[in-house]
Amino acid sequence: MPVLLIIVNFVVCYFIGVLGRNRKLGFWGHLFASLLLTPVIGLLLVVATDPVRDADETKPAKGKIDKSTGEKDAVAAPGKDADK
């Protein structure tokens, strides 16, 4: 019976790691925190940590208006002349 509880505990900790894979601590950080502390604390860490921001999210998309400056991105579409 104790072996079954250990396996269930590890599976729960694994899924907490999966939930935290896009967070600041990442998969391994949340997995080890859940194993060392408790799965409840690991789940609280998933909820409390911020998501990781990609470098692409900080740049405005092509052709979109940058809300911070109000300027439109000046990239021309492929195959069109930018001087016209």
PDB file of N, CA and C in Angstrom:
ATOM      1  N   MET A   1       0.807  -1.210   0.000  1.00  0.00           N
ATOM      2  CA  MET A   1       0.000   0.000   0.000  1.00  0.00           C
ATOM      3  C   MET A   1       0.847   1.272   0.000  1.00  0.00           C
ATOM      4  N   PRO A   2       1.939   1.356   0.799  1.00  0.00           N
ATOM      5  CA  PRO A   2       2.743   2.576   0.763  1.00  0.00           C
ATOM      6  C   PRO A   2       3.388   2.830  -0.599  1.00  0.00           C
ATOM      7  N   VAL A   3       3.683   1.760  -1.337  1.00  0.00           N
ATOM      8  CA  VAL A   3       4.276   1.926  -2.665  1.00  0.00           C
ATOM      9  C   VAL A   3       3.277   2.614  -3.591  1.00  0.00           C
ATOM     10  N   LEU A   4       2.019   2.248  -3.485  1.00  0.00           N
ATOM     11  CA  LEU A   4       0.977   2.869  -4.296  1.00  0.00           C
ATOM     12  C   LEU A   4       0.849   4.356  -3.964  1.00  0.00           C
ATOM     13  N   LEU A   5       0.945   4.723  -2.698  1.00  0.00           N
ATOM     14  CA  LEU A   5       0.879   6.133  -2.305  1.00  0.00           C
ATOM     15  C   LEU A   5       2.067   6.925  -2.846  1.00  0.00           C
ATOM     16  N   ILE A   6       3.234   6.328  -2.857  1.00  0.00           N
ATOM     17  CA  ILE A   6       4.422   6.992  -3.400  1.00  0.00           C
ATOM     18  C   ILE A   6       4.268   7.211  -4.899  1.00  0.00           C
ATOM     19  N   ILE A   7       3.733   6.219  -5.594  1.00  0.00           N
ATOM     20  CA  ILE A   7       3.530   6.347  -7.041  1.00  0.00           C
ATOM     21  C   ILE A   7       2.494   7.433  -7.338  1.00  0.00           C
ATOM     22  N   VAL A   8       1.400   7.451  -6.598  1.00  0.00           N
ATOM     23  CA  VAL A   8       0.365   8.475  -6.790  1.00  0.00           C
ATOM     24  C   VAL A   8       0.938   9.855  -6.501  1.00  0.00           C
ATOM     25  N   ASN A   9       1.745   9.972  -5.452  1.00  0.00           N
ATOM     26  CA  ASN A   9       2.360  11.247  -5.112  1.00  0.00           C
ATOM     27  C   ASN A   9       3.276  11.724  -6.241  1.00  0.00           C
ATOM     28  N   PHE A  10       4.073  10.826  -6.800  1.00  0.00           N
ATOM     29  CA  PHE A  10       4.961  11.201  -7.884  1.00  0.00           C
ATOM     30  C   PHE A  10       4.184  11.609  -9.130  1.00  0.00           C
ATOM     31  N   VAL A  11       3.109  10.911  -9.443  1.00  0.00           N
ATOM     32  CA  VAL A  11       2.294  11.254 -10.617  1.00  0.00           C
ATOM     33  C   VAL A  11       1.657  12.636 -10.448  1.00  0.00           C
ATOM     34  N   VAL A  12       1.155  12.933  -9.252  1.00  0.00           N
ATOM     35  CA  VAL A  12       0.573  14.255  -8.983  1.00  0.00           C
ATOM     36  C   VAL A  12       1.651  15.329  -9.114  1.00  0.00           C
ATOM     37  N   CYS A  13       2.839  15.069  -8.590  1.00  0.00           N
ATOM     38  CA  CYS A  13       3.940  16.029  -8.693  1.00  0.00           C
ATOM     39  C   CYS A  13       4.355  16.223 -10.148  1.00  0.00           C
ATOM     40  N   TYR A  14       4.326  15.161 -10.933  1.00  0.00           N
ATOM     41  CA  TYR A  14       4.644  15.258 -12.359  1.00  0.00           C
ATOM     42  C   TYR A  14       3.656  16.194 -13.069  1.00  0.00           C
ATOM     43  N   PHE A  15       2.361  16.023 -12.801  1.00  0.00           N
ATOM     44  CA  PHE A  15       1.366  16.877 -13.447  1.00  0.00           C
ATOM     45  C   PHE A  15       1.471  18.328 -12.980  1.00  0.00           C
ATOM     46  N   ILE A  16       1.889  18.545 -11.750  1.00  0.00           N
ATOM     47  CA  ILE A  16       2.142  19.916 -11.296  1.00  0.00           C
ATOM     48  C   ILE A  16       3.325  20.498 -12.061  1.00  0.00           C
ATOM     49  N   GLY A  17       4.341  19.680 -12.322  1.00  0.00           N
ATOM     50  CA  GLY A  17       5.459  20.125 -13.153  1.00  0.00           C
ATOM     51  C   GLY A  17       5.017  20.473 -14.561  1.00  0.00           C
ATOM     52  N   VAL A  18       4.102  19.675 -15.112  1.00  0.00           N
ATOM     53  CA  VAL A  18       3.574  19.954 -16.451  1.00  0.00           C
ATOM     54  C   VAL A  18       2.806  21.271 -16.443  1.00  0.00           C
ATOM     55  N   LEU A  19       2.027  21.519 -15.408  1.00  0.00           N
ATOM     56  CA  LEU A  19       1.299  22.792 -15.308  1.00  0.00           C
ATOM     57  C   LEU A  19       2.253  23.981 -15.209  1.00  0.00           C
ATOM     58  N   GLY A  20       3.407  23.779 -14.591  1.00  0.00           N
ATOM     59  CA  GLY A  20       4.348  24.871 -14.391  1.00  0.00           C
ATOM     60  C   GLY A  20       5.414  25.001 -15.455  1.00  0.00           C
ATOM     61  N   ARG A  21       5.299  24.274 -16.561  1.00  0.00           N
ATOM     62  CA  ARG A  21       6.360  24.277 -17.571  1.00  0.00           C
ATOM     63  C   ARG A  21       6.531  25.629 -18.245  1.00  0.00           C
ATOM     64  N   ASN A  22       5.518  26.455 -18.320  1.00  0.00           N
ATOM     65  CA  ASN A  22       5.625  27.777 -18.938  1.00  0.00           C
ATOM     66  C   ASN A  22       5.687  28.886 -17.892  1.00  0.00           C
ATOM     67  N   ARG A  23       6.074  28.539 -16.698  1.00  0.00           N
ATOM     68  CA  ARG A  23       6.200  29.507 -15.612  1.00  0.00           C
ATOM     69  C   ARG A  23       7.674  29.779 -15.332  1.00  0.00           C
ATOM     70  N   LYS A  24       7.934  30.723 -14.440  1.00  0.00           N
ATOM     71  CA  LYS A  24       9.318  31.133 -14.144  1.00  0.00           C
ATOM     72  C   LYS A  24      10.191  29.976 -13.665  1.00  0.00           C
ATOM     73  N   LEU A  25       9.681  29.109 -12.820  1.00  0.00           N
ATOM     74  CA  LEU A  25      10.486  27.997 -12.309  1.00  0.00           C
ATOM     75  C   LEU A  25      10.620  26.864 -13.311  1.00  0.00           C
ATOM     76  N   GLY A  26       9.714  26.767 -14.259  1.00  0.00           N
ATOM     77  CA  GLY A  26       9.777  25.723 -15.265  1.00  0.00           C
ATOM     78  C   GLY A  26       9.306  24.381 -14.740  1.00  0.00           C
ATOM     79  N   PHE A  27       9.378  23.393 -15.612  1.00  0.00           N
ATOM     80  CA  PHE A  27       8.916  22.047 -15.269  1.00  0.00           C
ATOM     81  C   PHE A  27       9.704  21.466 -14.101  1.00  0.00           C
ATOM     82  N   TRP A  28      11.028  21.481 -14.215  1.00  0.00           N
ATOM     83  CA  TRP A  28      11.859  20.836 -13.196  1.00  0.00           C
ATOM     84  C   TRP A  28      11.769  21.538 -11.850  1.00  0.00           C
ATOM     85  N   GLY A  29      11.685  22.847 -11.854  1.00  0.00           N
ATOM     86  CA  GLY A  29      11.562  23.581 -10.594  1.00  0.00           C
ATOM     87  C   GLY A  29      10.282  23.248  -9.857  1.00  0.00           C
ATOM     88  N   HIS A  30       9.188  23.201 -10.593  1.00  0.00           N
ATOM     89  CA  HIS A  30       7.913  22.866  -9.957  1.00  0.00           C
ATOM     90  C   HIS A  30       7.852  21.393  -9.555  1.00  0.00           C
ATOM     91  N   LEU A  31       8.447  20.540 -10.361  1.00  0.00           N
ATOM     92  CA  LEU A  31       8.460  19.114  -9.999  1.00  0.00           C
ATOM     93  C   LEU A  31       9.234  18.892  -8.705  1.00  0.00           C
ATOM     94  N   PHE A  32      10.438  19.440  -8.618  1.00  0.00           N
ATOM     95  CA  PHE A  32      11.247  19.240  -7.416  1.00  0.00           C
ATOM     96  C   PHE A  32      10.657  19.942  -6.199  1.00  0.00           C
ATOM     97  N   ALA A  33      10.051  21.115  -6.394  1.00  0.00           N
ATOM     98  CA  ALA A  33       9.396  21.787  -5.268  1.00  0.00           C
ATOM     99  C   ALA A  33       8.235  20.945  -4.755  1.00  0.00           C
ATOM    100  N   SER A  34       7.486  20.343  -5.670  1.00  0.00           N
ATOM    101  CA  SER A  34       6.365  19.495  -5.256  1.00  0.00           C
ATOM    102  C   SER A  34       6.849  18.235  -4.549  1.00  0.00           C
ATOM    103  N   LEU A  35       7.954  17.665  -5.028  1.00  0.00           N
ATOM    104  CA  LEU A  35       8.479  16.459  -4.390  1.00  0.00           C
ATOM    105  C   LEU A  35       9.089  16.764  -3.022  1.00  0.00           C
ATOM    106  N   LEU A  36       9.820  17.871  -2.916  1.00  0.00           N
ATOM    107  CA  LEU A  36      10.486  18.195  -1.653  1.00  0.00           C
ATOM    108  C   LEU A  36       9.523  18.740  -0.601  1.00  0.00           C
ATOM    109  N   LEU A  37       8.580  19.549  -1.029  1.00  0.00           N
ATOM    110  CA  LEU A  37       7.621  20.117  -0.080  1.00  0.00           C
ATOM    111  C   LEU A  37       6.376  19.219  -0.074  1.00  0.00           C
ATOM    112  N   THR A  38       5.323  19.668  -0.682  1.00  0.00           N
ATOM    113  CA  THR A  38       4.126  18.843  -0.870  1.00  0.00           C
ATOM    114  C   THR A  38       3.509  19.225  -2.207  1.00  0.00           C
ATOM    115  N   PRO A  39       2.674  18.381  -2.778  1.00  0.00           N
ATOM    116  CA  PRO A  39       1.998  18.760  -4.016  1.00  0.00           C
ATOM    117  C   PRO A  39       1.106  19.998  -3.856  1.00  0.00           C
ATOM    118  N   VAL A  40       0.559  20.197  -2.675  1.00  0.00           N
ATOM    119  CA  VAL A  40      -0.283  21.381  -2.446  1.00  0.00           C
ATOM    120  C   VAL A  40       0.563  22.651  -2.545  1.00  0.00           C
ATOM    121  N   ILE A  41       1.741  22.652  -1.941  1.00  0.00           N
ATOM    122  CA  ILE A  41       2.638  23.807  -2.027  1.00  0.00           C
ATOM    123  C   ILE A  41       3.101  23.986  -3.470  1.00  0.00           C
ATOM    124  N   GLY A  42       3.387  22.900  -4.164  1.00  0.00           N
ATOM    125  CA  GLY A  42       3.777  22.984  -5.570  1.00  0.00           C
ATOM    126  C   GLY A  42       2.691  23.597  -6.424  1.00  0.00           C
ATOM    127  N   LEU A  43       1.453  23.236  -6.164  1.00  0.00           N
ATOM    128  CA  LEU A  43       0.330  23.818  -6.906  1.00  0.00           C
ATOM    129  C   LEU A  43       0.176  25.301  -6.594  1.00  0.00           C
ATOM    130  N   LEU A  44       0.390  25.671  -5.351  1.00  0.00           N
ATOM    131  CA  LEU A  44       0.350  27.095  -4.992  1.00  0.00           C
ATOM    132  C   LEU A  44       1.467  27.870  -5.688  1.00  0.00           C
ATOM    133  N   LEU A  45       2.620  27.255  -5.840  1.00  0.00           N
ATOM    134  CA  LEU A  45       3.713  27.903  -6.565  1.00  0.00           C
ATOM    135  C   LEU A  45       3.358  28.114  -8.038  1.00  0.00           C
ATOM    136  N   VAL A  46       2.666  27.149  -8.634  1.00  0.00           N
ATOM    137  CA  VAL A  46       2.248  27.293 -10.027  1.00  0.00           C
ATOM    138  C   VAL A  46       1.310  28.487 -10.165  1.00  0.00           C
ATOM    139  N   VAL A  47       0.392  28.611  -9.233  1.00  0.00           N
ATOM    140  CA  VAL A  47      -0.568  29.714  -9.287  1.00  0.00           C
ATOM    141  C   VAL A  47       0.117  31.052  -9.007  1.00  0.00           C
ATOM    142  N   ALA A  48       1.104  31.048  -8.117  1.00  0.00           N
ATOM    143  CA  ALA A  48       1.720  32.295  -7.682  1.00  0.00           C
ATOM    144  C   ALA A  48       2.788  32.828  -8.635  1.00  0.00           C
ATOM    145  N   THR A  49       3.433  31.971  -9.417  1.00  0.00           N
ATOM    146  CA  THR A  49       4.512  32.440 -10.285  1.00  0.00           C
ATOM    147  C   THR A  49       3.957  32.998 -11.585  1.00  0.00           C
ATOM    148  N   ASP A  50       4.715  33.919 -12.162  1.00  0.00           N
ATOM    149  CA  ASP A  50       4.317  34.565 -13.408  1.00  0.00           C
ATOM    150  C   ASP A  50       4.691  33.696 -14.597  1.00  0.00           C
ATOM    151  N   PRO A  51       3.915  33.802 -15.683  1.00  0.00           N
ATOM    152  CA  PRO A  51       4.291  33.081 -16.895  1.00  0.00           C
ATOM    153  C   PRO A  51       5.548  33.675 -17.519  1.00  0.00           C
ATOM    154  N   VAL A  52       6.273  32.858 -18.256  1.00  0.00           N
ATOM    155  CA  VAL A  52       7.473  33.320 -18.949  1.00  0.00           C
ATOM    156  C   VAL A  52       7.036  34.062 -20.197  1.00  0.00           C
ATOM    157  N   ARG A  53       7.662  35.224 -20.445  1.00  0.00           N
ATOM    158  CA  ARG A  53       7.361  35.993 -21.650  1.00  0.00           C
ATOM    159  C   ARG A  53       8.424  35.707 -22.689  1.00  0.00           C
ATOM    160  N   ASP A  54       7.989  35.406 -23.898  1.00  0.00           N
ATOM    161  CA  ASP A  54       8.910  35.177 -25.000  1.00  0.00           C
ATOM    162  C   ASP A  54       9.444  36.505 -25.506  1.00  0.00           C
ATOM    163  N   ALA A  55      10.570  36.474 -26.207  1.00  0.00           N
ATOM    164  CA  ALA A  55      11.139  37.682 -26.790  1.00  0.00           C
ATOM    165  C   ALA A  55      10.218  38.239 -27.873  1.00  0.00           C
ATOM    166  N   ASP A  56       9.453  37.368 -28.538  1.00  0.00           N
ATOM    167  CA  ASP A  56       8.546  37.814 -29.588  1.00  0.00           C
ATOM    168  C   ASP A  56       7.381  38.618 -29.027  1.00  0.00           C
ATOM    169  N   GLU A  57       6.993  38.369 -27.782  1.00  0.00           N
ATOM    170  CA  GLU A  57       5.870  39.089 -27.190  1.00  0.00           C
ATOM    171  C   GLU A  57       6.221  40.533 -26.876  1.00  0.00           C
ATOM    172  N   THR A  58       7.496  40.828 -26.700  1.00  0.00           N
ATOM    173  CA  THR A  58       7.885  42.191 -26.361  1.00  0.00           C
ATOM    174  C   THR A  58       7.977  43.081 -27.591  1.00  0.00           C
ATOM    175  N   LYS A  59       8.095  42.473 -28.786  1.00  0.00           N
ATOM    176  CA  LYS A  59       8.185  43.247 -30.018  1.00  0.00           C
ATOM    177  C   LYS A  59       6.798  43.396 -30.628  1.00  0.00           C
ATOM    178  N   PRO A  60       6.487  44.565 -31.201  1.00  0.00           N
ATOM    179  CA  PRO A  60       5.199  44.692 -31.862  1.00  0.00           C
ATOM    180  C   PRO A  60       5.171  43.869 -33.149  1.00  0.00           C
ATOM    181  N   ALA A  61       4.020  43.352 -33.497  1.00  0.00           N
ATOM    182  CA  ALA A  61       3.879  42.579 -34.722  1.00  0.00           C
ATOM    183  C   ALA A  61       3.984  43.501 -35.923  1.00  0.00           C
ATOM    184  N   LYS A  62       4.424  42.969 -37.064  1.00  0.00           N
ATOM    185  CA  LYS A  62       4.590  43.777 -38.265  1.00  0.00           C
ATOM    186  C   LYS A  62       3.247  44.301 -38.727  1.00  0.00           C
ATOM    187  N   GLY A  63       3.211  45.593 -39.025  1.00  0.00           N
ATOM    188  CA  GLY A  63       1.992  46.213 -39.506  1.00  0.00           C
ATOM    189  C   GLY A  63       1.029  46.598 -38.403  1.00  0.00           C
ATOM    190  N   LYS A  64       1.398  46.374 -37.182  1.00  0.00           N
ATOM    191  CA  LYS A  64       0.535  46.723 -36.057  1.00  0.00           C
ATOM    192  C   LYS A  64       0.984  48.042 -35.449  1.00  0.00           C
ATOM    193  N   ILE A  65       0.101  48.693 -34.729  1.00  0.00           N
ATOM    194  CA  ILE A  65       0.414  49.960 -34.085  1.00  0.00           C
ATOM    195  C   ILE A  65       0.981  49.672 -32.710  1.00  0.00           C
ATOM    196  N   ASP A  66       2.146  50.280 -32.423  1.00  0.00           N
ATOM    197  CA  ASP A  66       2.769  50.145 -31.113  1.00  0.00           C
ATOM    198  C   ASP A  66       2.002  51.035 -30.141  1.00  0.00           C
ATOM    199  N   LYS A  67       1.374  50.456 -29.133  1.00  0.00           N
ATOM    200  CA  LYS A  67       0.534  51.216 -28.217  1.00  0.00           C
ATOM    201  C   LYS A  67       1.331  52.187 -27.359  1.00  0.00           C
ATOM    202  N   SER A  68       2.605  51.884 -27.109  1.00  0.00           N
ATOM    203  CA  SER A  68       3.394  52.764 -26.258  1.00  0.00           C
ATOM    204  C   SER A  68       3.781  54.056 -26.967  1.00  0.00           C
ATOM    205  N   THR A  69       4.021  54.005 -28.296  1.00  0.00           N
ATOM    206  CA  THR A  69       4.416  55.212 -29.026  1.00  0.00           C
ATOM    207  C   THR A  69       3.339  55.710 -29.981  1.00  0.00           C
ATOM    208  N   GLY A  70       2.397  54.851 -30.337  1.00  0.00           N
ATOM    209  CA  GLY A  70       1.342  55.238 -31.253  1.00  0.00           C
ATOM    210  C   GLY A  70       1.773  55.228 -32.708  1.00  0.00           C
ATOM    211  N   GLU A  71       2.964  54.681 -32.995  1.00  0.00           N
ATOM    212  CA  GLU A  71       3.474  54.661 -34.360  1.00  0.00           C
ATOM    213  C   GLU A  71       3.188  53.318 -35.010  1.00  0.00           C
ATOM    214  N   LYS A  72       2.961  53.356 -36.318  1.00  0.00           N
ATOM    215  CA  LYS A  72       2.732  52.133 -37.065  1.00  0.00           C
ATOM    216  C   LYS A  72       4.071  51.564 -37.500  1.00  0.00           C
ATOM    217  N   ASP A  73       4.182  50.252 -37.489  1.00  0.00           N
ATOM    218  CA  ASP A  73       5.393  49.581 -37.924  1.00  0.00           C
ATOM    219  C   ASP A  73       5.577  49.830 -39.414  1.00  0.00           C
ATOM    220  N   ALA A  74       6.765  50.252 -39.826  1.00  0.00           N
ATOM    221  CA  ALA A  74       7.011  50.687 -41.195  1.00  0.00           C
ATOM    222  C   ALA A  74       7.595  49.590 -42.075  1.00  0.00           C
ATOM    223  N   VAL A  75       7.239  48.357 -41.854  1.00  0.00           N
ATOM    224  CA  VAL A  75       7.756  47.260 -42.655  1.00  0.00           C
ATOM    225  C   VAL A  75       6.802  47.023 -43.814  1.00  0.00           C
ATOM    226  N   ALA A  76       7.345  47.030 -45.049  1.00  0.00           N
ATOM    227  CA  ALA A  76       6.518  46.821 -46.233  1.00  0.00           C
ATOM    228  C   ALA A  76       6.246  45.337 -46.425  1.00  0.00           C
ATOM    229  N   ALA A  77       5.130  45.044 -47.053  1.00  0.00           N
ATOM    230  CA  ALA A  77       4.791  43.650 -47.329  1.00  0.00           C
ATOM    231  C   ALA A  77       5.711  43.115 -48.414  1.00  0.00           C
ATOM    232  N   PRO A  78       6.011  41.833 -48.396  1.00  0.00           N
ATOM    233  CA  PRO A  78       6.908  41.273 -49.411  1.00  0.00           C
ATOM    234  C   PRO A  78       6.316  41.428 -50.814  1.00  0.00           C
ATOM    235  N   GLY A  79       7.172  41.821 -51.764  1.00  0.00           N
ATOM    236  CA  GLY A  79       6.746  41.980 -53.149  1.00  0.00           C
ATOM    237  C   GLY A  79       6.162  43.337 -53.466  1.00  0.00           C
ATOM    238  N   LYS A  80       6.070  44.223 -52.515  1.00  0.00           N
ATOM    239  CA  LYS A  80       5.530  45.559 -52.763  1.00  0.00           C
ATOM    240  C   LYS A  80       6.631  46.575 -52.571  1.00  0.00           C
ATOM    241  N   ASP A  81       6.570  47.642 -53.327  1.00  0.00           N
ATOM    242  CA  ASP A  81       7.587  48.687 -53.252  1.00  0.00           C
ATOM    243  C   ASP A  81       7.268  49.603 -52.074  1.00  0.00           C
ATOM    244  N   ALA A  82       8.223  49.830 -51.179  1.00  0.00           N
ATOM    245  CA  ALA A  82       7.999  50.639 -49.978  1.00  0.00           C
ATOM    246  C   ALA A  82       7.976  52.130 -50.297  1.00  0.00           C
ATOM    247  N   ASP A  83       8.485  52.555 -51.492  1.00  0.00           N
ATOM    248  CA  ASP A  83       8.543  53.972 -51.825  1.00  0.00           C
ATOM    249  C   ASP A  83       7.202  54.516 -52.297  1.00  0.00           C
ATOM    250  N   LYS A  84       6.293  53.692 -52.700  1.00  0.00           N
ATOM    251  CA  LYS A  84       5.014  54.184 -53.276  1.00  0.00           C
ATOM    252  C   LYS A  84       4.100  54.677 -52.237  1.00  0.00           C
TER     253      LYS A  84
END
